[in-house]
PDB file of N, CA and C in Angstrom:
ATOM      1  N   MET A   1       6.968 -18.518  11.917  1.00  0.00           N
ATOM      2  CA  MET A   1       6.165 -17.504  10.842  1.00  0.00           C
ATOM      3  C   MET A   1       5.701 -18.132   9.931  1.00  0.00           C
ATOM      4  N   GLU A   2       4.216 -17.625   9.694  1.00  0.00           N
ATOM      5  CA  GLU A   2       3.498 -17.885   8.882  1.00  0.00           C
ATOM      6  C   GLU A   2       3.239 -16.687   7.489  1.00  0.00           C
ATOM      7  N   VAL A   3       3.025 -17.222   6.632  1.00  0.00           N
ATOM      8  CA  VAL A   3       2.877 -16.096   5.228  1.00  0.00           C
ATOM      9  C   VAL A   3       1.644 -16.517   5.303  1.00  0.00           C
ATOM     10  N   ILE A   4       1.187 -14.595   4.845  1.00  0.00           N
ATOM     11  CA  ILE A   4      -0.435 -14.772   4.685  1.00  0.00           C
ATOM     12  C   ILE A   4      -0.334 -13.893   3.321  1.00  0.00           C
ATOM     13  N   THR A   5      -1.196 -13.932   2.759  1.00  0.00           N
ATOM     14  CA  THR A   5      -2.128 -13.521   1.628  1.00  0.00           C
ATOM     15  C   THR A   5      -2.856 -12.297   1.630  1.00  0.00           C
ATOM     16  N   TYR A   6      -2.850 -11.459   1.846  1.00  0.00           N
ATOM     17  CA  TYR A   6      -3.581  -9.931   1.945  1.00  0.00           C
ATOM     18  C   TYR A   6      -4.075  -9.355  -0.039  1.00  0.00           C
ATOM     19  N   ASN A   7      -5.274  -9.247   0.307  1.00  0.00           N
ATOM     20  CA  ASN A   7      -6.001  -8.696  -1.112  1.00  0.00           C
ATOM     21  C   ASN A   7      -6.325  -7.667  -0.927  1.00  0.00           C
ATOM     22  N   VAL A   8      -5.887  -6.065  -1.486  1.00  0.00           N
ATOM     23  CA  VAL A   8      -6.691  -5.303  -1.464  1.00  0.00           C
ATOM     24  C   VAL A   8      -7.069  -4.664  -3.059  1.00  0.00           C
ATOM     25  N   GLU A   9      -8.401  -4.957  -3.297  1.00  0.00           N
ATOM     26  CA  GLU A   9      -9.039  -4.152  -4.471  1.00  0.00           C
ATOM     27  C   GLU A   9      -8.086  -5.200  -5.999  1.00  0.00           C
ATOM     28  N   GLY A  10      -8.283  -6.359  -5.457  1.00  0.00           N
ATOM     29  CA  GLY A  10      -7.613  -7.263  -6.444  1.00  0.00           C
ATOM     30  C   GLY A  10      -5.641  -7.449  -6.855  1.00  0.00           C
ATOM     31  N   ILE A  11      -5.401  -6.410  -5.443  1.00  0.00           N
ATOM     32  CA  ILE A  11      -4.060  -6.479  -5.750  1.00  0.00           C
ATOM     33  C   ILE A  11      -3.175  -7.405  -4.468  1.00  0.00           C
ATOM     34  N   GLU A  12      -2.884  -8.537  -4.913  1.00  0.00           N
ATOM     35  CA  GLU A  12      -2.514  -9.595  -3.633  1.00  0.00           C
ATOM     36  C   GLU A  12      -1.049  -9.727  -3.310  1.00  0.00           C
ATOM     37  N   ILE A  13      -0.830  -9.474  -2.211  1.00  0.00           N
ATOM     38  CA  ILE A  13       0.326  -9.283  -1.735  1.00  0.00           C
ATOM     39  C   ILE A  13       0.784 -10.109  -0.583  1.00  0.00           C
ATOM     40  N   GLU A  14       1.720 -10.589  -0.656  1.00  0.00           N
ATOM     41  CA  GLU A  14       1.775 -12.457   0.145  1.00  0.00           C
ATOM     42  C   GLU A  14       3.258 -11.941   0.890  1.00  0.00           C
ATOM     43  N   PHE A  15       2.973 -11.784   2.363  1.00  0.00           N
ATOM     44  CA  PHE A  15       4.126 -11.484   3.272  1.00  0.00           C
ATOM     45  C   PHE A  15       4.151 -12.425   4.548  1.00  0.00           C
ATOM     46  N   VAL A  16       5.348 -12.378   4.707  1.00  0.00           N
ATOM     47  CA  VAL A  16       5.676 -13.207   6.203  1.00  0.00           C
ATOM     48  C   VAL A  16       5.503 -12.855   7.204  1.00  0.00           C
ATOM     49  N   LYS A  17       4.665 -13.020   8.349  1.00  0.00           N
ATOM     50  CA  LYS A  17       4.311 -12.717   9.710  1.00  0.00           C
ATOM     51  C   LYS A  17       5.383 -13.205  10.467  1.00  0.00           C
ATOM     52  N   LYS A  18       6.217 -11.820  10.568  1.00  0.00           N
ATOM     53  CA  LYS A  18       7.396 -12.132  12.055  1.00  0.00           C
ATOM     54  C   LYS A  18       7.263 -11.774  13.003  1.00  0.00           C
ATOM     55  N   SER A  19       5.530 -11.394  13.367  1.00  0.00           N
ATOM     56  CA  SER A  19       5.793 -11.057  15.101  1.00  0.00           C
ATOM     57  C   SER A  19       4.075 -12.052  15.301  1.00  0.00           C
ATOM     58  N   GLU A  20       3.660 -12.586  16.637  1.00  0.00           N
ATOM     59  CA  GLU A  20       2.801 -12.724  17.142  1.00  0.00           C
ATOM     60  C   GLU A  20       1.926 -11.759  17.444  1.00  0.00           C
ATOM     61  N   ASP A  21       2.434 -10.483  17.594  1.00  0.00           N
ATOM     62  CA  ASP A  21       1.597  -9.378  17.534  1.00  0.00           C
ATOM     63  C   ASP A  21       0.816  -8.842  16.693  1.00  0.00           C
ATOM     64  N   ASP A  22      -0.485  -8.808  17.053  1.00  0.00           N
ATOM     65  CA  ASP A  22      -1.463  -8.351  15.573  1.00  0.00           C
ATOM     66  C   ASP A  22      -1.287  -6.885  15.333  1.00  0.00           C
ATOM     67  N   SER A  23      -1.090  -6.364  16.021  1.00  0.00           N
ATOM     68  CA  SER A  23      -0.701  -5.010  15.501  1.00  0.00           C
ATOM     69  C   SER A  23       0.325  -4.764  14.928  1.00  0.00           C
ATOM     70  N   GLU A  24       1.806  -5.310  15.114  1.00  0.00           N
ATOM     71  CA  GLU A  24       2.589  -5.472  14.149  1.00  0.00           C
ATOM     72  C   GLU A  24       2.845  -5.758  13.041  1.00  0.00           C
ATOM     73  N   ALA A  25       1.612  -7.179  13.075  1.00  0.00           N
ATOM     74  CA  ALA A  25       1.652  -7.530  11.761  1.00  0.00           C
ATOM     75  C   ALA A  25       0.711  -6.997  11.241  1.00  0.00           C
ATOM     76  N   ASP A  26      -0.440  -6.740  11.508  1.00  0.00           N
ATOM     77  CA  ASP A  26      -1.125  -5.074  10.687  1.00  0.00           C
ATOM     78  C   ASP A  26      -0.099  -4.072  10.269  1.00  0.00           C
ATOM     79  N   ARG A  27       0.475  -3.604  10.710  1.00  0.00           N
ATOM     80  CA  ARG A  27       1.400  -2.736  10.466  1.00  0.00           C
ATOM     81  C   ARG A  27       2.361  -3.325   9.122  1.00  0.00           C
ATOM     82  N   GLN A  28       2.976  -4.363   9.464  1.00  0.00           N
ATOM     83  CA  GLN A  28       3.924  -4.882   8.529  1.00  0.00           C
ATOM     84  C   GLN A  28       2.637  -5.213   6.956  1.00  0.00           C
ATOM     85  N   LYS A  29       2.104  -5.700   7.504  1.00  0.00           N
ATOM     86  CA  LYS A  29       1.175  -6.020   5.954  1.00  0.00           C
ATOM     87  C   LYS A  29       0.375  -4.784   5.472  1.00  0.00           C
ATOM     88  N   MET A  30       0.183  -3.445   6.371  1.00  0.00           N
ATOM     89  CA  MET A  30      -0.468  -2.209   5.160  1.00  0.00           C
ATOM     90  C   MET A  30       0.784  -1.323   4.720  1.00  0.00           C
ATOM     91  N   ALA A  31       2.211  -1.702   5.376  1.00  0.00           N
ATOM     92  CA  ALA A  31       3.242  -1.095   4.828  1.00  0.00           C
ATOM     93  C   ALA A  31       3.384  -1.620   3.285  1.00  0.00           C
ATOM     94  N   LEU A  32       3.330  -3.096   3.502  1.00  0.00           N
ATOM     95  CA  LEU A  32       4.120  -3.946   1.585  1.00  0.00           C
ATOM     96  C   LEU A  32       2.781  -3.424   0.883  1.00  0.00           C
ATOM     97  N   ALA A  33       1.580  -3.561   1.535  1.00  0.00           N
ATOM     98  CA  ALA A  33       0.514  -3.482   0.477  1.00  0.00           C
ATOM     99  C   ALA A  33       0.469  -1.807  -0.089  1.00  0.00           C
ATOM    100  N   PHE A  34       0.527  -0.729   0.820  1.00  0.00           N
ATOM    101  CA  PHE A  34       0.983   0.245  -0.083  1.00  0.00           C
ATOM    102  C   PHE A  34       2.104   0.367  -1.318  1.00  0.00           C
ATOM    103  N   LYS A  35       3.456  -0.017  -0.340  1.00  0.00           N
ATOM    104  CA  LYS A  35       4.644  -0.728  -1.451  1.00  0.00           C
ATOM    105  C   LYS A  35       3.728  -0.931  -2.911  1.00  0.00           C
ATOM    106  N   ALA A  36       3.160  -2.052  -2.829  1.00  0.00           N
ATOM    107  CA  ALA A  36       3.041  -2.795  -3.546  1.00  0.00           C
ATOM    108  C   ALA A  36       2.069  -1.714  -4.929  1.00  0.00           C
ATOM    109  N   ILE A  37       1.565  -1.213  -4.097  1.00  0.00           N
ATOM    110  CA  ILE A  37       0.219  -0.607  -4.699  1.00  0.00           C
ATOM    111  C   ILE A  37       0.298   0.346  -5.310  1.00  0.00           C
ATOM    112  N   ARG A  38       1.556   1.255  -4.724  1.00  0.00           N
ATOM    113  CA  ARG A  38       2.668   2.429  -5.456  1.00  0.00           C
ATOM    114  C   ARG A  38       3.557   1.688  -6.566  1.00  0.00           C
ATOM    115  N   GLU A  39       4.105   0.733  -6.664  1.00  0.00           N
ATOM    116  CA  GLU A  39       5.131   0.107  -7.601  1.00  0.00           C
ATOM    117  C   GLU A  39       4.305  -0.712  -8.457  1.00  0.00           C
ATOM    118  N   LYS A  40       3.076  -0.500  -8.037  1.00  0.00           N
ATOM    119  CA  LYS A  40       1.940  -0.689  -9.802  1.00  0.00           C
ATOM    120  C   LYS A  40       1.769   0.015 -10.448  1.00  0.00           C
ATOM    121  N   SER A  41       1.762   1.523  -9.649  1.00  0.00           N
ATOM    122  CA  SER A  41       1.419   2.596 -10.273  1.00  0.00           C
ATOM    123  C   SER A  41       2.583   3.287 -11.235  1.00  0.00           C
ATOM    124  N   GLY A  42       4.178   2.510 -11.058  1.00  0.00           N
ATOM    125  CA  GLY A  42       5.128   2.972 -11.725  1.00  0.00           C
ATOM    126  C   GLY A  42       5.450   4.305 -11.196  1.00  0.00           C
ATOM    127  N   MET A  43       4.992   4.799  -9.920  1.00  0.00           N
ATOM    128  CA  MET A  43       5.675   5.971  -9.769  1.00  0.00           C
ATOM    129  C   MET A  43       6.705   6.044  -8.375  1.00  0.00           C
ATOM    130  N   ASN A  44       7.970   6.631  -8.559  1.00  0.00           N
ATOM    131  CA  ASN A  44       8.818   6.924  -7.117  1.00  0.00           C
ATOM    132  C   ASN A  44       7.991   7.318  -6.135  1.00  0.00           C
ATOM    133  N   ARG A  45       8.360   7.743  -4.657  1.00  0.00           N
ATOM    134  CA  ARG A  45       7.655   8.214  -3.743  1.00  0.00           C
ATOM    135  C   ARG A  45       7.673   9.215  -3.969  1.00  0.00           C
ATOM    136  N   LYS A  46       8.118   9.980  -4.384  1.00  0.00           N
ATOM    137  CA  LYS A  46       8.260  11.558  -4.537  1.00  0.00           C
ATOM    138  C   LYS A  46       6.652  11.977  -5.647  1.00  0.00           C
ATOM    139  N   ASP A  47       6.825  11.216  -6.714  1.00  0.00           N
ATOM    140  CA  ASP A  47       5.947  11.285  -7.817  1.00  0.00           C
ATOM    141  C   ASP A  47       4.263  10.885  -7.315  1.00  0.00           C
ATOM    142  N   PHE A  48       4.690   9.626  -6.471  1.00  0.00           N
ATOM    143  CA  PHE A  48       2.830   9.001  -6.241  1.00  0.00           C
ATOM    144  C   PHE A  48       2.246   9.777  -5.058  1.00  0.00           C
ATOM    145  N   ALA A  49       3.270  10.605  -4.266  1.00  0.00           N
ATOM    146  CA  ALA A  49       2.797  11.681  -3.240  1.00  0.00           C
ATOM    147  C   ALA A  49       1.990  12.733  -3.597  1.00  0.00           C
ATOM    148  N   GLU A  50       2.514  13.131  -4.919  1.00  0.00           N
ATOM    149  CA  GLU A  50       1.868  14.292  -5.880  1.00  0.00           C
ATOM    150  C   GLU A  50       0.585  14.023  -6.240  1.00  0.00           C
ATOM    151  N   TRP A  51       1.207  12.869  -6.990  1.00  0.00           N
ATOM    152  CA  TRP A  51      -0.438  12.976  -7.883  1.00  0.00           C
ATOM    153  C   TRP A  51      -1.138  12.004  -6.711  1.00  0.00           C
ATOM    154  N   LEU A  52      -1.385  11.986  -5.699  1.00  0.00           N
ATOM    155  CA  LEU A  52      -1.837  11.568  -4.849  1.00  0.00           C
ATOM    156  C   LEU A  52      -2.966  12.927  -4.041  1.00  0.00           C
ATOM    157  N   GLY A  53      -1.463  13.793  -3.684  1.00  0.00           N
ATOM    158  CA  GLY A  53      -1.903  14.709  -2.784  1.00  0.00           C
ATOM    159  C   GLY A  53      -1.383  14.994  -1.629  1.00  0.00           C
ATOM    160  N   ILE A  54      -0.892  13.806  -1.382  1.00  0.00           N
ATOM    161  CA  ILE A  54      -0.791  13.629  -0.040  1.00  0.00           C
ATOM    162  C   ILE A  54       0.803  13.878   0.558  1.00  0.00           C
ATOM    163  N   PRO A  55       1.317  14.509   1.321  1.00  0.00           N
ATOM    164  CA  PRO A  55       2.471  14.703   1.903  1.00  0.00           C
ATOM    165  C   PRO A  55       3.711  13.860   1.867  1.00  0.00           C
ATOM    166  N   TYR A  56       4.538  14.122   1.459  1.00  0.00           N
ATOM    167  CA  TYR A  56       5.531  12.804   1.170  1.00  0.00           C
ATOM    168  C   TYR A  56       6.021  12.342   2.274  1.00  0.00           C
ATOM    169  N   ARG A  57       6.229  13.141   3.474  1.00  0.00           N
ATOM    170  CA  ARG A  57       6.853  12.581   4.421  1.00  0.00           C
ATOM    171  C   ARG A  57       5.070  11.543   5.381  1.00  0.00           C
ATOM    172  N   THR A  58       4.226  11.925   4.922  1.00  0.00           N
ATOM    173  CA  THR A  58       2.988  10.723   5.389  1.00  0.00           C
ATOM    174  C   THR A  58       3.189   9.804   4.418  1.00  0.00           C
ATOM    175  N   MET A  59       3.549  10.163   3.071  1.00  0.00           N
ATOM    176  CA  MET A  59       3.371   8.345   2.717  1.00  0.00           C
ATOM    177  C   MET A  59       4.811   7.485   2.785  1.00  0.00           C
ATOM    178  N   GLN A  60       5.916   8.422   2.991  1.00  0.00           N
ATOM    179  CA  GLN A  60       6.849   7.337   2.951  1.00  0.00           C
ATOM    180  C   GLN A  60       6.696   6.896   4.579  1.00  0.00           C
ATOM    181  N   GLU A  61       6.097   7.483   5.643  1.00  0.00           N
ATOM    182  CA  GLU A  61       6.055   6.917   7.072  1.00  0.00           C
ATOM    183  C   GLU A  61       5.066   5.531   6.616  1.00  0.00           C
ATOM    184  N   TRP A  62       4.123   6.075   6.003  1.00  0.00           N
ATOM    185  CA  TRP A  62       3.038   4.637   5.645  1.00  0.00           C
ATOM    186  C   TRP A  62       4.154   3.246   5.121  1.00  0.00           C
ATOM    187  N   GLU A  63       5.005   3.752   3.618  1.00  0.00           N
ATOM    188  CA  GLU A  63       5.470   3.002   3.566  1.00  0.00           C
ATOM    189  C   GLU A  63       6.653   2.510   4.486  1.00  0.00           C
ATOM    190  N   LEU A  64       7.178   2.612   5.193  1.00  0.00           N
ATOM    191  CA  LEU A  64       8.624   2.219   5.702  1.00  0.00           C
ATOM    192  C   LEU A  64       7.644   1.219   7.155  1.00  0.00           C
ATOM    193  N   GLY A  65       6.394   1.652   7.260  1.00  0.00           N
ATOM    194  CA  GLY A  65       5.693   0.516   8.264  1.00  0.00           C
ATOM    195  C   GLY A  65       5.643   1.844   9.981  1.00  0.00           C
ATOM    196  N   ARG A  66       6.247   3.088   9.482  1.00  0.00           N
ATOM    197  CA  ARG A  66       6.406   3.745  11.277  1.00  0.00           C
ATOM    198  C   ARG A  66       5.088   4.277  11.495  1.00  0.00           C
ATOM    199  N   ARG A  67       3.888   4.419  10.498  1.00  0.00           N
ATOM    200  CA  ARG A  67       2.532   4.881  11.103  1.00  0.00           C
ATOM    201  C   ARG A  67       1.687   3.997   9.974  1.00  0.00           C
ATOM    202  N   VAL A  68       0.609   3.733  10.523  1.00  0.00           N
ATOM    203  CA  VAL A  68      -0.286   2.755   9.922  1.00  0.00           C
ATOM    204  C   VAL A  68      -1.561   3.410   9.243  1.00  0.00           C
ATOM    205  N   MET A  69      -1.689   3.573   8.386  1.00  0.00           N
ATOM    206  CA  MET A  69      -3.296   4.360   7.664  1.00  0.00           C
ATOM    207  C   MET A  69      -3.908   3.928   8.280  1.00  0.00           C
ATOM    208  N   PRO A  70      -5.162   4.089   7.790  1.00  0.00           N
ATOM    209  CA  PRO A  70      -6.866   3.623   7.910  1.00  0.00           C
ATOM    210  C   PRO A  70      -6.660   2.574   6.685  1.00  0.00           C
ATOM    211  N   GLU A  71      -7.567   1.271   7.286  1.00  0.00           N
ATOM    212  CA  GLU A  71      -7.312   0.456   5.298  1.00  0.00           C
ATOM    213  C   GLU A  71      -8.274   0.956   4.304  1.00  0.00           C
ATOM    214  N   TYR A  72      -9.205   2.062   4.692  1.00  0.00           N
ATOM    215  CA  TYR A  72     -10.059   2.390   3.785  1.00  0.00           C
ATOM    216  C   TYR A  72      -9.309   3.727   3.106  1.00  0.00           C
ATOM    217  N   VAL A  73      -8.559   4.153   3.540  1.00  0.00           N
ATOM    218  CA  VAL A  73      -7.193   4.926   2.773  1.00  0.00           C
ATOM    219  C   VAL A  73      -6.679   3.870   1.831  1.00  0.00           C
ATOM    220  N   LEU A  74      -6.456   2.740   2.168  1.00  0.00           N
ATOM    221  CA  LEU A  74      -5.139   1.862   1.297  1.00  0.00           C
ATOM    222  C   LEU A  74      -6.336   1.311   0.022  1.00  0.00           C
ATOM    223  N   ARG A  75      -7.633   1.029   0.895  1.00  0.00           N
ATOM    224  CA  ARG A  75      -8.439   0.882  -0.407  1.00  0.00           C
ATOM    225  C   ARG A  75      -8.706   1.557  -1.427  1.00  0.00           C
ATOM    226  N   LEU A  76      -8.838   3.266  -0.859  1.00  0.00           N
ATOM    227  CA  LEU A  76      -9.312   4.416  -2.080  1.00  0.00           C
ATOM    228  C   LEU A  76      -7.958   4.645  -2.844  1.00  0.00           C
ATOM    229  N   ILE A  77      -6.682   4.409  -2.199  1.00  0.00           N
ATOM    230  CA  ILE A  77      -5.481   4.387  -3.184  1.00  0.00           C
ATOM    231  C   ILE A  77      -5.666   3.576  -4.159  1.00  0.00           C
ATOM    232  N   ALA A  78      -5.623   2.403  -4.190  1.00  0.00           N
ATOM    233  CA  ALA A  78      -5.925   1.332  -4.417  1.00  0.00           C
ATOM    234  C   ALA A  78      -6.547   1.358  -5.360  1.00  0.00           C
ATOM    235  N   TYR A  79      -7.769   1.516  -5.304  1.00  0.00           N
ATOM    236  CA  TYR A  79      -8.880   1.467  -6.326  1.00  0.00           C
ATOM    237  C   TYR A  79      -8.458   2.869  -7.343  1.00  0.00           C
ATOM    238  N   LYS A  80      -7.922   3.802  -7.036  1.00  0.00           N
ATOM    239  CA  LYS A  80      -7.490   4.948  -7.880  1.00  0.00           C
ATOM    240  C   LYS A  80      -6.548   4.623  -8.782  1.00  0.00           C
ATOM    241  N   VAL A  81      -5.425   3.710  -8.638  1.00  0.00           N
ATOM    242  CA  VAL A  81      -4.083   3.323  -9.067  1.00  0.00           C
ATOM    243  C   VAL A  81      -4.791   2.250 -10.332  1.00  0.00           C
ATOM    244  N   LEU A  82      -5.569   1.539  -9.753  1.00  0.00           N
ATOM    245  CA  LEU A  82      -6.039   0.813 -10.788  1.00  0.00           C
ATOM    246  C   LEU A  82      -6.981   1.040 -11.586  1.00  0.00           C
ATOM    247  N   ASN A  83      -8.321   1.965 -11.541  1.00  0.00           N
ATOM    248  CA  ASN A  83      -8.574   2.680 -12.453  1.00  0.00           C
ATOM    249  C   ASN A  83      -7.808   3.819 -13.385  1.00  0.00           C
ATOM    250  N   GLU A  84      -6.691   4.324 -12.736  1.00  0.00           N
ATOM    251  CA  GLU A  84      -6.098   4.841 -13.611  1.00  0.00           C
ATOM    252  C   GLU A  84      -5.091   4.001 -14.864  1.00  0.00           C
ATOM    253  N   LYS A  85      -5.069   2.885 -14.384  1.00  0.00           N
ATOM    254  CA  LYS A  85      -4.005   1.664 -15.230  1.00  0.00           C
ATOM    255  C   LYS A  85      -5.172   1.118 -16.268  1.00  0.00           C
ATOM    256  N   ARG A  86      -6.610   1.169 -15.673  1.00  0.00           N
ATOM    257  CA  ARG A  86      -7.496   1.160 -16.935  1.00  0.00           C
ATOM    258  C   ARG A  86      -7.682   1.655 -17.920  1.00  0.00           C
ATOM    259  N   LYS A  87      -8.115   3.487 -17.453  1.00  0.00           N
ATOM    260  CA  LYS A  87      -8.025   4.245 -18.478  1.00  0.00           C
ATOM    261  C   LYS A  87      -7.150   3.996 -19.463  1.00  0.00           C
ATOM    262  N   LYS A  88      -5.911   3.779 -18.809  1.00  0.00           N
ATOM    263  CA  LYS A  88      -4.788   4.160 -20.132  1.00  0.00           C
ATOM    264  C   LYS A  88      -4.617   2.762 -21.008  1.00  0.00           C
ATOM    265  N   ARG A  89      -5.368   1.459 -20.280  1.00  0.00           N
ATOM    266  CA  ARG A  89      -5.338   0.859 -21.372  1.00  0.00           C
ATOM    267  C   ARG A  89      -6.665   0.631 -22.421  1.00  0.00           C
ATOM    268  N   ASP A  90      -7.786   1.905 -22.047  1.00  0.00           N
ATOM    269  CA  ASP A  90      -8.951   2.142 -23.373  1.00  0.00           C
ATOM    270  C   ASP A  90      -8.253   2.872 -24.236  1.00  0.00           C
TER     271      ASP A  90
END
């Protein structure tokens, strides 16, 4: 097993690659990244889903790694979360 660092719009996520299967590693990486972004927002799953306008079930499947979202969607969500946090600081 190896530790991999993944950067999404400045949010760094470290995870342990549990499988040699690259598609499984991508699924794990995306799920952990999505969860880290949601946690950075300070919202629970329900509020985050409503805030983004994404069905709760879809968001839950992404976070649990049962479905993989396109990477561009992950980056857009990270961008939105980071910009909202910047607005609150200003």
